[in-house]
PDB file of N, CA and C in Angstrom:
ATOM      1  N   MET A   1     -24.022  11.479 -18.845  1.00  0.00           N
ATOM      2  CA  MET A   1     -23.273  11.655 -20.040  1.00  0.00           C
ATOM      3  C   MET A   1     -22.072  12.629 -19.985  1.00  0.00           C
ATOM      4  N   ASP A   2     -22.248  13.638 -19.086  1.00  0.00           N
ATOM      5  CA  ASP A   2     -21.180  14.636 -18.893  1.00  0.00           C
ATOM      6  C   ASP A   2     -19.900  13.960 -18.313  1.00  0.00           C
ATOM      7  N   LEU A   3     -20.096  13.038 -17.403  1.00  0.00           N
ATOM      8  CA  LEU A   3     -18.985  12.260 -16.866  1.00  0.00           C
ATOM      9  C   LEU A   3     -18.227  11.507 -17.959  1.00  0.00           C
ATOM     10  N   ARG A   4     -19.018  10.780 -18.779  1.00  0.00           N
ATOM     11  CA  ARG A   4     -18.451  10.008 -19.823  1.00  0.00           C
ATOM     12  C   ARG A   4     -17.671  10.858 -20.834  1.00  0.00           C
ATOM     13  N   ARG A   5     -18.236  12.028 -21.193  1.00  0.00           N
ATOM     14  CA  ARG A   5     -17.473  12.903 -22.103  1.00  0.00           C
ATOM     15  C   ARG A   5     -16.243  13.487 -21.455  1.00  0.00           C
ATOM     16  N   ALA A   6     -16.340  13.846 -20.197  1.00  0.00           N
ATOM     17  CA  ALA A   6     -15.174  14.404 -19.515  1.00  0.00           C
ATOM     18  C   ALA A   6     -14.061  13.424 -19.387  1.00  0.00           C
ATOM     19  N   ILE A   7     -14.302  12.170 -19.090  1.00  0.00           N
ATOM     20  CA  ILE A   7     -13.200  11.227 -18.925  1.00  0.00           C
ATOM     21  C   ILE A   7     -12.635  10.963 -20.288  1.00  0.00           C
ATOM     22  N   VAL A   8     -13.422  10.843 -21.253  1.00  0.00           N
ATOM     23  CA  VAL A   8     -12.838  10.555 -22.627  1.00  0.00           C
ATOM     24  C   VAL A   8     -12.052  11.730 -23.119  1.00  0.00           C
ATOM     25  N   ALA A   9     -12.452  12.997 -22.728  1.00  0.00           N
ATOM     26  CA  ALA A   9     -11.733  14.209 -23.151  1.00  0.00           C
ATOM     27  C   ALA A   9     -10.306  14.243 -22.545  1.00  0.00           C
ATOM     28  N   GLY A  10     -10.110  13.579 -21.429  1.00  0.00           N
ATOM     29  CA  GLY A  10      -8.875  13.568 -20.746  1.00  0.00           C
ATOM     30  C   GLY A  10      -7.827  12.625 -21.364  1.00  0.00           C
ATOM     31  N   VAL A  11      -8.270  11.723 -22.321  1.00  0.00           N
ATOM     32  CA  VAL A  11      -7.378  10.649 -22.740  1.00  0.00           C
ATOM     33  C   VAL A  11      -6.146  11.266 -23.478  1.00  0.00           C
ATOM     34  N   PRO A  12      -6.229  12.242 -24.309  1.00  0.00           N
ATOM     35  CA  PRO A  12      -5.050  12.797 -25.035  1.00  0.00           C
ATOM     36  C   PRO A  12      -3.959  13.238 -24.006  1.00  0.00           C
ATOM     37  N   ARG A  13      -4.400  13.941 -22.927  1.00  0.00           N
ATOM     38  CA  ARG A  13      -3.502  14.454 -21.894  1.00  0.00           C
ATOM     39  C   ARG A  13      -2.845  13.284 -21.190  1.00  0.00           C
ATOM     40  N   LEU A  14      -3.596  12.290 -20.928  1.00  0.00           N
ATOM     41  CA  LEU A  14      -3.034  11.144 -20.258  1.00  0.00           C
ATOM     42  C   LEU A  14      -1.955  10.508 -21.109  1.00  0.00           C
ATOM     43  N   LEU A  15      -2.157  10.383 -22.407  1.00  0.00           N
ATOM     44  CA  LEU A  15      -1.241   9.746 -23.237  1.00  0.00           C
ATOM     45  C   LEU A  15       0.055  10.585 -23.291  1.00  0.00           C
ATOM     46  N   GLY A  16      -0.088  11.863 -23.198  1.00  0.00           N
ATOM     47  CA  GLY A  16       1.148  12.781 -23.092  1.00  0.00           C
ATOM     48  C   GLY A  16       2.025  12.477 -21.942  1.00  0.00           C
ATOM     49  N   ASP A  17       1.517  11.827 -20.933  1.00  0.00           N
ATOM     50  CA  ASP A  17       2.239  11.487 -19.722  1.00  0.00           C
ATOM     51  C   ASP A  17       2.750  10.105 -19.744  1.00  0.00           C
ATOM     52  N   LEU A  18       2.434   9.310 -20.731  1.00  0.00           N
ATOM     53  CA  LEU A  18       2.766   7.910 -20.755  1.00  0.00           C
ATOM     54  C   LEU A  18       4.206   7.583 -20.529  1.00  0.00           C
ATOM     55  N   ASP A  19       5.122   8.330 -21.142  1.00  0.00           N
ATOM     56  CA  ASP A  19       6.509   8.024 -20.908  1.00  0.00           C
ATOM     57  C   ASP A  19       7.104   8.314 -19.570  1.00  0.00           C
ATOM     58  N   HIS A  20       6.381   9.167 -18.820  1.00  0.00           N
ATOM     59  CA  HIS A  20       6.873   9.594 -17.553  1.00  0.00           C
ATOM     60  C   HIS A  20       6.109   8.935 -16.351  1.00  0.00           C
ATOM     61  N   ASP A  21       4.876   8.433 -16.615  1.00  0.00           N
ATOM     62  CA  ASP A  21       4.089   7.847 -15.544  1.00  0.00           C
ATOM     63  C   ASP A  21       3.309   6.643 -16.066  1.00  0.00           C
ATOM     64  N   ILE A  22       4.072   5.696 -16.634  1.00  0.00           N
ATOM     65  CA  ILE A  22       3.525   4.494 -17.264  1.00  0.00           C
ATOM     66  C   ILE A  22       2.372   3.844 -16.466  1.00  0.00           C
ATOM     67  N   ARG A  23       2.703   3.490 -15.174  1.00  0.00           N
ATOM     68  CA  ARG A  23       1.817   2.795 -14.319  1.00  0.00           C
ATOM     69  C   ARG A  23       0.477   3.473 -14.274  1.00  0.00           C
ATOM     70  N   ASN A  24       0.470   4.714 -13.787  1.00  0.00           N
ATOM     71  CA  ASN A  24      -0.753   5.455 -13.599  1.00  0.00           C
ATOM     72  C   ASN A  24      -1.606   5.715 -14.865  1.00  0.00           C
ATOM     73  N   VAL A  25      -0.886   5.921 -15.958  1.00  0.00           N
ATOM     74  CA  VAL A  25      -1.581   6.219 -17.226  1.00  0.00           C
ATOM     75  C   VAL A  25      -2.259   4.911 -17.684  1.00  0.00           C
ATOM     76  N   LEU A  26      -1.591   3.803 -17.634  1.00  0.00           N
ATOM     77  CA  LEU A  26      -2.249   2.473 -18.034  1.00  0.00           C
ATOM     78  C   LEU A  26      -3.419   2.111 -17.132  1.00  0.00           C
ATOM     79  N   LEU A  27      -3.258   2.324 -15.829  1.00  0.00           N
ATOM     80  CA  LEU A  27      -4.302   2.056 -14.858  1.00  0.00           C
ATOM     81  C   LEU A  27      -5.511   2.972 -15.101  1.00  0.00           C
ATOM     82  N   THR A  28      -5.225   4.234 -15.349  1.00  0.00           N
ATOM     83  CA  THR A  28      -6.308   5.208 -15.557  1.00  0.00           C
ATOM     84  C   THR A  28      -7.075   4.831 -16.895  1.00  0.00           C
ATOM     85  N   LEU A  29      -6.323   4.467 -17.909  1.00  0.00           N
ATOM     86  CA  LEU A  29      -6.984   4.089 -19.159  1.00  0.00           C
ATOM     87  C   LEU A  29      -7.814   2.848 -18.880  1.00  0.00           C
ATOM     88  N   ALA A  30      -7.353   1.953 -18.155  1.00  0.00           N
ATOM     89  CA  ALA A  30      -8.187   0.777 -17.848  1.00  0.00           C
ATOM     90  C   ALA A  30      -9.402   1.178 -16.981  1.00  0.00           C
ATOM     91  N   ARG A  31      -9.245   2.141 -16.125  1.00  0.00           N
ATOM     92  CA  ARG A  31     -10.394   2.604 -15.321  1.00  0.00           C
ATOM     93  C   ARG A  31     -11.393   3.302 -16.130  1.00  0.00           C
ATOM     94  N   ILE A  32     -10.918   4.149 -17.146  1.00  0.00           N
ATOM     95  CA  ILE A  32     -11.871   4.799 -18.062  1.00  0.00           C
ATOM     96  C   ILE A  32     -12.676   3.788 -18.834  1.00  0.00           C
ATOM     97  N   TRP A  33     -11.943   2.795 -19.466  1.00  0.00           N
ATOM     98  CA  TRP A  33     -12.631   1.783 -20.191  1.00  0.00           C
ATOM     99  C   TRP A  33     -13.664   1.039 -19.289  1.00  0.00           C
ATOM    100  N   THR A  34     -13.267   0.659 -18.125  1.00  0.00           N
ATOM    101  CA  THR A  34     -14.160  -0.044 -17.231  1.00  0.00           C
ATOM    102  C   THR A  34     -15.437   0.842 -16.913  1.00  0.00           C
ATOM    103  N   THR A  35     -15.194   2.072 -16.610  1.00  0.00           N
ATOM    104  CA  THR A  35     -16.288   2.993 -16.278  1.00  0.00           C
ATOM    105  C   THR A  35     -17.291   3.070 -17.437  1.00  0.00           C
ATOM    106  N   LEU A  36     -16.771   3.297 -18.669  1.00  0.00           N
ATOM    107  CA  LEU A  36     -17.570   3.462 -19.810  1.00  0.00           C
ATOM    108  C   LEU A  36     -18.382   2.168 -20.109  1.00  0.00           C
ATOM    109  N   ALA A  37     -17.706   1.031 -20.008  1.00  0.00           N
ATOM    110  CA  ALA A  37     -18.325  -0.308 -20.302  1.00  0.00           C
ATOM    111  C   ALA A  37     -19.274  -0.741 -19.350  1.00  0.00           C
ATOM    112  N   THR A  38     -19.087  -0.420 -17.974  1.00  0.00           N
ATOM    113  CA  THR A  38     -19.959  -0.975 -16.949  1.00  0.00           C
ATOM    114  C   THR A  38     -20.749  -0.005 -16.235  1.00  0.00           C
ATOM    115  N   ASP A  39     -20.558   1.320 -16.467  1.00  0.00           N
ATOM    116  CA  ASP A  39     -21.256   2.340 -15.735  1.00  0.00           C
ATOM    117  C   ASP A  39     -21.036   2.327 -14.166  1.00  0.00           C
ATOM    118  N   SER A  40     -19.921   1.754 -13.803  1.00  0.00           N
ATOM    119  CA  SER A  40     -19.512   1.824 -12.414  1.00  0.00           C
ATOM    120  C   SER A  40     -18.043   2.339 -12.342  1.00  0.00           C
ATOM    121  N   ILE A  41     -17.819   3.083 -11.248  1.00  0.00           N
ATOM    122  CA  ILE A  41     -16.405   3.552 -11.121  1.00  0.00           C
ATOM    123  C   ILE A  41     -15.741   2.547 -10.110  1.00  0.00           C
ATOM    124  N   ARG A  42     -14.626   2.151 -10.549  1.00  0.00           N
ATOM    125  CA  ARG A  42     -13.858   1.188  -9.729  1.00  0.00           C
ATOM    126  C   ARG A  42     -12.475   1.719  -9.404  1.00  0.00           C
ATOM    127  N   SER A  43     -11.897   1.160  -8.388  1.00  0.00           N
ATOM    128  CA  SER A  43     -10.515   1.460  -8.069  1.00  0.00           C
ATOM    129  C   SER A  43      -9.571   1.098  -9.216  1.00  0.00           C
ATOM    130  N   LYS A  44      -8.399   1.616  -9.260  1.00  0.00           N
ATOM    131  CA  LYS A  44      -7.518   1.266 -10.366  1.00  0.00           C
ATOM    132  C   LYS A  44      -7.216  -0.248 -10.291  1.00  0.00           C
ATOM    133  N   GLY A  45      -7.037  -0.827  -9.188  1.00  0.00           N
ATOM    134  CA  GLY A  45      -6.776  -2.303  -9.126  1.00  0.00           C
ATOM    135  C   GLY A  45      -7.859  -3.079  -9.636  1.00  0.00           C
ATOM    136  N   ALA A  46      -9.148  -2.714  -9.218  1.00  0.00           N
ATOM    137  CA  ALA A  46     -10.354  -3.447  -9.665  1.00  0.00           C
ATOM    138  C   ALA A  46     -10.586  -3.279 -11.189  1.00  0.00           C
ATOM    139  N   ALA A  47     -10.267  -2.070 -11.591  1.00  0.00           N
ATOM    140  CA  ALA A  47     -10.451  -1.776 -13.075  1.00  0.00           C
ATOM    141  C   ALA A  47      -9.411  -2.527 -13.899  1.00  0.00           C
ATOM    142  N   ALA A  48      -8.243  -2.766 -13.317  1.00  0.00           N
ATOM    143  CA  ALA A  48      -7.224  -3.510 -13.993  1.00  0.00           C
ATOM    144  C   ALA A  48      -7.620  -4.995 -14.078  1.00  0.00           C
ATOM    145  N   ASP A  49      -8.149  -5.500 -12.919  1.00  0.00           N
ATOM    146  CA  ASP A  49      -8.697  -6.856 -12.903  1.00  0.00           C
ATOM    147  C   ASP A  49      -9.726  -7.132 -14.006  1.00  0.00           C
ATOM    148  N   TRP A  50     -10.664  -6.140 -14.100  1.00  0.00           N
ATOM    149  CA  TRP A  50     -11.753  -6.261 -15.118  1.00  0.00           C
ATOM    150  C   TRP A  50     -11.105  -6.216 -16.540  1.00  0.00           C
ATOM    151  N   ALA A  51     -10.159  -5.257 -16.755  1.00  0.00           N
ATOM    152  CA  ALA A  51      -9.637  -5.098 -18.105  1.00  0.00           C
ATOM    153  C   ALA A  51      -8.742  -6.369 -18.445  1.00  0.00           C
ATOM    154  N   LEU A  52      -7.983  -6.858 -17.449  1.00  0.00           N
ATOM    155  CA  LEU A  52      -7.131  -8.006 -17.790  1.00  0.00           C
ATOM    156  C   LEU A  52      -7.917  -9.213 -18.295  1.00  0.00           C
ATOM    157  N   GLU A  53      -9.202  -9.339 -17.894  1.00  0.00           N
ATOM    158  CA  GLU A  53     -10.025 -10.462 -18.376  1.00  0.00           C
ATOM    159  C   GLU A  53     -10.427 -10.233 -19.831  1.00  0.00           C
ATOM    160  N   ARG A  54     -10.260  -9.061 -20.293  1.00  0.00           N
ATOM    161  CA  ARG A  54     -10.774  -8.673 -21.698  1.00  0.00           C
ATOM    162  C   ARG A  54      -9.579  -8.357 -22.635  1.00  0.00           C
ATOM    163  N   LEU A  55      -8.427  -8.217 -22.053  1.00  0.00           N
ATOM    164  CA  LEU A  55      -7.326  -7.854 -22.973  1.00  0.00           C
ATOM    165  C   LEU A  55      -6.850  -9.005 -23.778  1.00  0.00           C
ATOM    166  N   PRO A  56      -6.369  -8.769 -24.981  1.00  0.00           N
ATOM    167  CA  PRO A  56      -5.688  -9.812 -25.719  1.00  0.00           C
ATOM    168  C   PRO A  56      -4.406 -10.225 -24.981  1.00  0.00           C
ATOM    169  N   SER A  57      -4.005 -11.471 -25.041  1.00  0.00           N
ATOM    170  CA  SER A  57      -2.871 -11.966 -24.338  1.00  0.00           C
ATOM    171  C   SER A  57      -1.593 -11.215 -24.452  1.00  0.00           C
ATOM    172  N   GLU A  58      -1.424 -10.618 -25.617  1.00  0.00           N
ATOM    173  CA  GLU A  58      -0.142  -9.852 -25.803  1.00  0.00           C
ATOM    174  C   GLU A  58      -0.034  -8.628 -24.980  1.00  0.00           C
ATOM    175  N   HIS A  59      -1.088  -8.108 -24.401  1.00  0.00           N
ATOM    176  CA  HIS A  59      -1.086  -6.868 -23.649  1.00  0.00           C
ATOM    177  C   HIS A  59      -1.235  -7.135 -22.117  1.00  0.00           C
ATOM    178  N   ARG A  60      -1.484  -8.405 -21.722  1.00  0.00           N
ATOM    179  CA  ARG A  60      -1.819  -8.692 -20.340  1.00  0.00           C
ATOM    180  C   ARG A  60      -0.624  -8.410 -19.382  1.00  0.00           C
ATOM    181  N   ALA A  61       0.513  -8.837 -19.815  1.00  0.00           N
ATOM    182  CA  ALA A  61       1.751  -8.694 -18.905  1.00  0.00           C
ATOM    183  C   ALA A  61       1.972  -7.264 -18.559  1.00  0.00           C
ATOM    184  N   VAL A  62       1.844  -6.347 -19.476  1.00  0.00           N
ATOM    185  CA  VAL A  62       2.111  -4.957 -19.189  1.00  0.00           C
ATOM    186  C   VAL A  62       1.025  -4.365 -18.197  1.00  0.00           C
ATOM    187  N   LEU A  63      -0.174  -4.625 -18.422  1.00  0.00           N
ATOM    188  CA  LEU A  63      -1.197  -4.157 -17.468  1.00  0.00           C
ATOM    189  C   LEU A  63      -1.083  -4.875 -16.095  1.00  0.00           C
ATOM    190  N   ALA A  64      -0.797  -6.216 -16.133  1.00  0.00           N
ATOM    191  CA  ALA A  64      -0.612  -6.939 -14.922  1.00  0.00           C
ATOM    192  C   ALA A  64       0.518  -6.409 -14.053  1.00  0.00           C
ATOM    193  N   HIS A  65       1.627  -5.964 -14.767  1.00  0.00           N
ATOM    194  CA  HIS A  65       2.731  -5.376 -14.064  1.00  0.00           C
ATOM    195  C   HIS A  65       2.293  -4.093 -13.434  1.00  0.00           C
ATOM    196  N   ALA A  66       1.635  -3.246 -14.209  1.00  0.00           N
ATOM    197  CA  ALA A  66       1.166  -1.979 -13.651  1.00  0.00           C
ATOM    198  C   ALA A  66       0.324  -2.153 -12.430  1.00  0.00           C
ATOM    199  N   ARG A  67      -0.557  -3.118 -12.427  1.00  0.00           N
ATOM    200  CA  ARG A  67      -1.450  -3.429 -11.317  1.00  0.00           C
ATOM    201  C   ARG A  67      -0.650  -3.879 -10.130  1.00  0.00           C
ATOM    202  N   ALA A  68       0.311  -4.798 -10.374  1.00  0.00           N
ATOM    203  CA  ALA A  68       1.173  -5.354  -9.252  1.00  0.00           C
ATOM    204  C   ALA A  68       1.998  -4.219  -8.609  1.00  0.00           C
ATOM    205  N   VAL A  69       2.477  -3.306  -9.479  1.00  0.00           N
ATOM    206  CA  VAL A  69       3.276  -2.186  -8.825  1.00  0.00           C
ATOM    207  C   VAL A  69       2.300  -1.298  -8.001  1.00  0.00           C
ATOM    208  N   TYR A  70       1.141  -0.965  -8.512  1.00  0.00           N
ATOM    209  CA  TYR A  70       0.175  -0.301  -7.818  1.00  0.00           C
ATOM    210  C   TYR A  70      -0.176  -0.853  -6.423  1.00  0.00           C
ATOM    211  N   LEU A  71      -0.272  -2.264  -6.478  1.00  0.00           N
ATOM    212  CA  LEU A  71      -0.655  -2.854  -5.168  1.00  0.00           C
ATOM    213  C   LEU A  71       0.516  -3.122  -4.306  1.00  0.00           C
ATOM    214  N   GLY A  72       1.741  -2.715  -4.745  1.00  0.00           N
ATOM    215  CA  GLY A  72       2.907  -3.003  -3.899  1.00  0.00           C
ATOM    216  C   GLY A  72       3.419  -4.371  -3.986  1.00  0.00           C
ATOM    217  N   GLU A  73       3.008  -5.185  -4.998  1.00  0.00           N
ATOM    218  CA  GLU A  73       3.451  -6.474  -5.102  1.00  0.00           C
ATOM    219  C   GLU A  73       4.790  -6.604  -5.923  1.00  0.00           C
ATOM    220  N   GLU A  74       5.103  -5.711  -6.705  1.00  0.00           N
ATOM    221  CA  GLU A  74       6.304  -5.745  -7.540  1.00  0.00           C
ATOM    222  C   GLU A  74       6.929  -4.345  -7.483  1.00  0.00           C
ATOM    223  N   LYS A  75       8.197  -4.319  -7.832  1.00  0.00           N
ATOM    224  CA  LYS A  75       8.892  -3.032  -7.944  1.00  0.00           C
ATOM    225  C   LYS A  75       8.632  -2.470  -9.372  1.00  0.00           C
ATOM    226  N   GLU A  76       8.568  -1.142  -9.519  1.00  0.00           N
ATOM    227  CA  GLU A  76       8.304  -0.615 -10.814  1.00  0.00           C
ATOM    228  C   GLU A  76       9.553  -0.702 -11.666  1.00  0.00           C
ATOM    229  N   ARG A  77       9.439  -1.423 -12.754  1.00  0.00           N
ATOM    230  CA  ARG A  77      10.479  -1.517 -13.771  1.00  0.00           C
ATOM    231  C   ARG A  77       9.817  -1.636 -15.158  1.00  0.00           C
ATOM    232  N   TRP A  78      10.331  -0.860 -16.028  1.00  0.00           N
ATOM    233  CA  TRP A  78       9.801  -0.900 -17.365  1.00  0.00           C
ATOM    234  C   TRP A  78      10.942  -1.094 -18.395  1.00  0.00           C
ATOM    235  N   ASP A  79      11.272  -2.366 -18.501  1.00  0.00           N
ATOM    236  CA  ASP A  79      12.448  -2.616 -19.442  1.00  0.00           C
ATOM    237  C   ASP A  79      12.109  -3.755 -20.251  1.00  0.00           C
ATOM    238  N   GLY A  80      12.948  -4.065 -21.271  1.00  0.00           N
ATOM    239  CA  GLY A  80      12.803  -5.255 -22.114  1.00  0.00           C
ATOM    240  C   GLY A  80      11.401  -5.288 -22.712  1.00  0.00           C
ATOM    241  N   GLU A  81      10.798  -6.483 -22.649  1.00  0.00           N
ATOM    242  CA  GLU A  81       9.462  -6.750 -23.296  1.00  0.00           C
ATOM    243  C   GLU A  81       8.417  -5.920 -22.668  1.00  0.00           C
ATOM    244  N   LEU A  82       8.525  -5.658 -21.391  1.00  0.00           N
ATOM    245  CA  LEU A  82       7.448  -4.781 -20.698  1.00  0.00           C
ATOM    246  C   LEU A  82       7.399  -3.432 -21.396  1.00  0.00           C
ATOM    247  N   ARG A  83       8.630  -2.798 -21.525  1.00  0.00           N
ATOM    248  CA  ARG A  83       8.728  -1.463 -22.095  1.00  0.00           C
ATOM    249  C   ARG A  83       8.291  -1.490 -23.563  1.00  0.00           C
ATOM    250  N   ALA A  84       8.688  -2.531 -24.324  1.00  0.00           N
ATOM    251  CA  ALA A  84       8.130  -2.566 -25.672  1.00  0.00           C
ATOM    252  C   ALA A  84       6.647  -2.736 -25.821  1.00  0.00           C
ATOM    253  N   GLY A  85       6.096  -3.314 -24.732  1.00  0.00           N
ATOM    254  CA  GLY A  85       4.605  -3.523 -24.814  1.00  0.00           C
ATOM    255  C   GLY A  85       3.759  -2.329 -24.295  1.00  0.00           C
ATOM    256  N   VAL A  86       4.344  -1.378 -23.813  1.00  0.00           N
ATOM    257  CA  VAL A  86       3.624  -0.241 -23.157  1.00  0.00           C
ATOM    258  C   VAL A  86       2.758   0.496 -24.193  1.00  0.00           C
ATOM    259  N   ARG A  87       3.324   0.996 -25.221  1.00  0.00           N
ATOM    260  CA  ARG A  87       2.538   1.759 -26.211  1.00  0.00           C
ATOM    261  C   ARG A  87       1.451   0.834 -26.890  1.00  0.00           C
ATOM    262  N   PRO A  88       1.822  -0.319 -27.317  1.00  0.00           N
ATOM    263  CA  PRO A  88       0.727  -1.154 -27.869  1.00  0.00           C
ATOM    264  C   PRO A  88      -0.391  -1.435 -26.884  1.00  0.00           C
ATOM    265  N   CYS A  89      -0.124  -1.608 -25.596  1.00  0.00           N
ATOM    266  CA  CYS A  89      -1.166  -1.866 -24.617  1.00  0.00           C
ATOM    267  C   CYS A  89      -1.992  -0.601 -24.432  1.00  0.00           C
ATOM    268  N   ALA A  90      -1.351   0.548 -24.313  1.00  0.00           N
ATOM    269  CA  ALA A  90      -2.022   1.822 -24.243  1.00  0.00           C
ATOM    270  C   ALA A  90      -2.942   2.058 -25.458  1.00  0.00           C
ATOM    271  N   GLY A  91      -2.354   1.707 -26.683  1.00  0.00           N
ATOM    272  CA  GLY A  91      -3.139   1.893 -27.876  1.00  0.00           C
ATOM    273  C   GLY A  91      -4.383   1.023 -27.823  1.00  0.00           C
ATOM    274  N   PHE A  92      -4.259  -0.231 -27.381  1.00  0.00           N
ATOM    275  CA  PHE A  92      -5.502  -1.074 -27.341  1.00  0.00           C
ATOM    276  C   PHE A  92      -6.487  -0.506 -26.391  1.00  0.00           C
ATOM    277  N   LEU A  93      -6.069  -0.025 -25.211  1.00  0.00           N
ATOM    278  CA  LEU A  93      -7.026   0.547 -24.186  1.00  0.00           C
ATOM    279  C   LEU A  93      -7.659   1.790 -24.790  1.00  0.00           C
ATOM    280  N   VAL A  94      -6.901   2.638 -25.551  1.00  0.00           N
ATOM    281  CA  VAL A  94      -7.540   3.782 -26.104  1.00  0.00           C
ATOM    282  C   VAL A  94      -8.574   3.389 -27.194  1.00  0.00           C
ATOM    283  N   ASP A  95      -8.262   2.412 -27.919  1.00  0.00           N
ATOM    284  CA  ASP A  95      -9.177   1.921 -29.004  1.00  0.00           C
ATOM    285  C   ASP A  95     -10.492   1.400 -28.293  1.00  0.00           C
ATOM    286  N   ALA A  96     -10.288   0.631 -27.201  1.00  0.00           N
ATOM    287  CA  ALA A  96     -11.389   0.066 -26.450  1.00  0.00           C
ATOM    288  C   ALA A  96     -12.246   1.212 -25.921  1.00  0.00           C
ATOM    289  N   ILE A  97     -11.662   2.227 -25.416  1.00  0.00           N
ATOM    290  CA  ILE A  97     -12.379   3.318 -24.919  1.00  0.00           C
ATOM    291  C   ILE A  97     -13.181   4.026 -26.026  1.00  0.00           C
ATOM    292  N   GLY A  98     -12.547   4.140 -27.174  1.00  0.00           N
ATOM    293  CA  GLY A  98     -13.189   4.772 -28.317  1.00  0.00           C
ATOM    294  C   GLY A  98     -14.433   4.023 -28.819  1.00  0.00           C
ATOM    295  N   ARG A  99     -14.470   2.720 -28.596  1.00  0.00           N
ATOM    296  CA  ARG A  99     -15.602   1.850 -28.992  1.00  0.00           C
ATOM    297  C   ARG A  99     -16.781   1.970 -28.073  1.00  0.00           C
ATOM    298  N   GLN A 100     -16.612   2.571 -26.991  1.00  0.00           N
ATOM    299  CA  GLN A 100     -17.705   2.701 -25.993  1.00  0.00           C
ATOM    300  C   GLN A 100     -18.639   3.871 -26.289  1.00  0.00           C
ATOM    301  N   PRO A 101     -19.890   3.676 -26.215  1.00  0.00           N
ATOM    302  CA  PRO A 101     -20.829   4.812 -26.471  1.00  0.00           C
ATOM    303  C   PRO A 101     -20.744   5.825 -25.406  1.00  0.00           C
ATOM    304  N   LEU A 102     -20.962   7.114 -25.775  1.00  0.00           N
ATOM    305  CA  LEU A 102     -21.001   8.137 -24.811  1.00  0.00           C
ATOM    306  C   LEU A 102     -22.421   8.345 -24.245  1.00  0.00           C
ATOM    307  N   ARG A 103     -23.358   7.674 -24.768  1.00  0.00           N
ATOM    308  CA  ARG A 103     -24.775   7.790 -24.344  1.00  0.00           C
ATOM    309  C   ARG A 103     -25.163   9.082 -23.812  1.00  0.00           C
TER     310      ARG A 103
END
């Protein structure tokens, strides 16, 4: 339970870094959600894979891009529709985290 509370307590600080470190913040939020939901700690890439299967379609491109950049498959660029989708995607992830029990 201490791990669960500690990772949830770090969410506000993470969100404070969103504008400067989009990729890592989104992947870390996915990792937190995955850890709380499955009781297993996964890499950022594996956590993104898990989260992508559960995200509403309007948020998938943003997290998929963050994952692809993390894996070296794409260059980091946050413009246009991707940029516009960052905060809504982060908001969905935070809400999903908030719905998980701290047991």
